[in-house]
Amino acid sequence: MRWWVVVGALAGILSAAPGTHGACVYEGSLHANQSSWRPESCRECTCHGDVPLCSPVRCPNLQCDFQRGEYLRLPPNQCCPECTSSSPD
């Protein structure tokens, strides 16, 4: 798995606020050490010490039953597709 380390000094999007040791500041928001969040539906981040580590969301390998009328559908505001048997929109 690849991890992209977002480092404020390099990316210019982080700045450590006074008294935030053990917490991450990511795009202006403070996150507790070991907490996880999704800044976008297809990316997830975790705070390690004072460094946020972000990676793309890994979607499951779906096996839809096309013979039974199932198809892949990407729900609104979601990153990963799902199998559904209802008619397409």
Protein backbone atom coordinates (compact mmCIF):
# COMPACT_ATOMS: atom_id res chain seq x y z
CA MET A 1 0.00 0.00 0.00
CA ARG A 2 1.29 3.43 -0.83
CA TRP A 3 1.10 6.22 1.68
CA TRP A 4 1.55 9.83 0.78
CA VAL A 5 3.01 11.79 3.62
CA VAL A 6 1.68 15.30 3.64
CA VAL A 7 4.31 17.44 5.26
CA GLY A 8 3.41 21.05 5.87
CA ALA A 9 6.86 22.41 5.25
CA LEU A 10 6.86 20.82 1.81
CA ALA A 11 3.20 21.05 0.82
CA GLY A 12 2.46 24.43 2.32
CA ILE A 13 -0.95 23.36 3.62
CA LEU A 14 -0.03 22.55 7.21
CA SER A 15 1.16 24.71 10.01
CA ALA A 16 1.68 23.47 13.53
CA ALA A 17 -0.24 25.61 15.96
CA PRO A 18 1.32 26.24 19.37
CA GLY A 19 0.49 23.44 21.82
CA THR A 20 -0.55 20.91 19.16
CA HIS A 21 2.21 18.34 19.73
CA GLY A 22 0.74 14.92 19.01
CA ALA A 23 -2.01 16.39 16.84
CA CYS A 24 -2.21 17.16 13.13
CA VAL A 25 -3.32 20.33 11.44
CA TYR A 26 -4.64 19.46 7.99
CA GLU A 27 -6.09 22.13 5.69
CA GLY A 28 -6.80 24.32 8.71
CA SER A 29 -8.48 21.61 10.84
CA LEU A 30 -6.98 20.08 13.97
CA HIS A 31 -7.06 16.26 14.25
CA ALA A 32 -6.12 14.23 17.33
CA ASN A 33 -3.24 11.77 17.24
CA GLN A 34 -4.35 8.36 15.85
CA SER A 35 -7.64 9.81 14.54
CA SER A 36 -8.82 9.12 10.98
CA TRP A 37 -10.88 11.26 8.62
CA ARG A 38 -11.87 11.54 4.97
CA PRO A 39 -11.15 14.95 3.49
CA GLU A 40 -12.74 13.69 0.25
CA SER A 41 -14.84 10.62 -0.48
CA CYS A 42 -11.91 8.88 -2.22
CA ARG A 43 -9.11 9.73 0.21
CA GLU A 44 -8.61 8.86 3.87
CA CYS A 45 -6.11 10.28 6.33
CA THR A 46 -4.75 9.28 9.74
CA CYS A 47 -2.83 11.45 12.20
CA HIS A 48 0.46 9.87 13.33
CA GLY A 49 2.20 12.01 15.93
CA ASP A 50 1.94 15.38 14.25
CA VAL A 51 2.08 14.12 10.65
CA PRO A 52 -1.06 13.36 8.62
CA LEU A 53 -0.71 10.33 6.35
CA CYS A 54 -3.18 10.18 3.47
CA SER A 55 -3.92 7.49 0.91
CA PRO A 56 -6.57 6.70 -1.67
CA VAL A 57 -9.56 4.68 -0.47
CA ARG A 58 -9.26 1.03 -1.51
CA CYS A 59 -12.50 -0.27 -2.96
CA PRO A 60 -13.48 -3.93 -2.71
CA ASN A 61 -13.29 -6.09 -5.82
CA LEU A 62 -17.00 -6.61 -6.45
CA GLN A 63 -18.40 -9.63 -8.25
CA CYS A 64 -21.86 -8.56 -9.42
CA ASP A 65 -24.14 -11.28 -10.80
CA PHE A 66 -24.87 -9.80 -14.22
CA GLN A 67 -26.94 -12.86 -15.22
CA ARG A 68 -29.37 -12.04 -12.39
CA GLY A 69 -29.61 -8.41 -13.47
CA GLU A 70 -27.11 -6.90 -11.04
CA TYR A 71 -24.90 -4.09 -12.23
CA LEU A 72 -22.21 -1.80 -10.84
CA ARG A 73 -23.43 1.59 -9.68
CA LEU A 74 -21.50 4.50 -8.19
CA PRO A 75 -23.73 6.15 -5.56
CA PRO A 76 -23.65 9.96 -5.37
CA ASN A 77 -20.81 11.33 -3.21
CA GLN A 78 -19.27 7.87 -2.84
CA CYS A 79 -15.88 6.65 -3.95
CA CYS A 80 -16.53 2.95 -4.39
CA PRO A 81 -19.12 1.31 -6.64
CA GLU A 82 -21.67 -1.19 -5.36
CA CYS A 83 -23.67 -4.03 -6.88
CA THR A 84 -27.35 -3.28 -7.23
CA SER A 85 -30.31 -5.02 -8.81
CA SER A 86 -32.62 -2.03 -9.10
CA SER A 87 -33.06 -0.36 -12.47
CA PRO A 88 -30.45 2.26 -13.46
CA ASP A 89 -31.36 5.92 -12.93
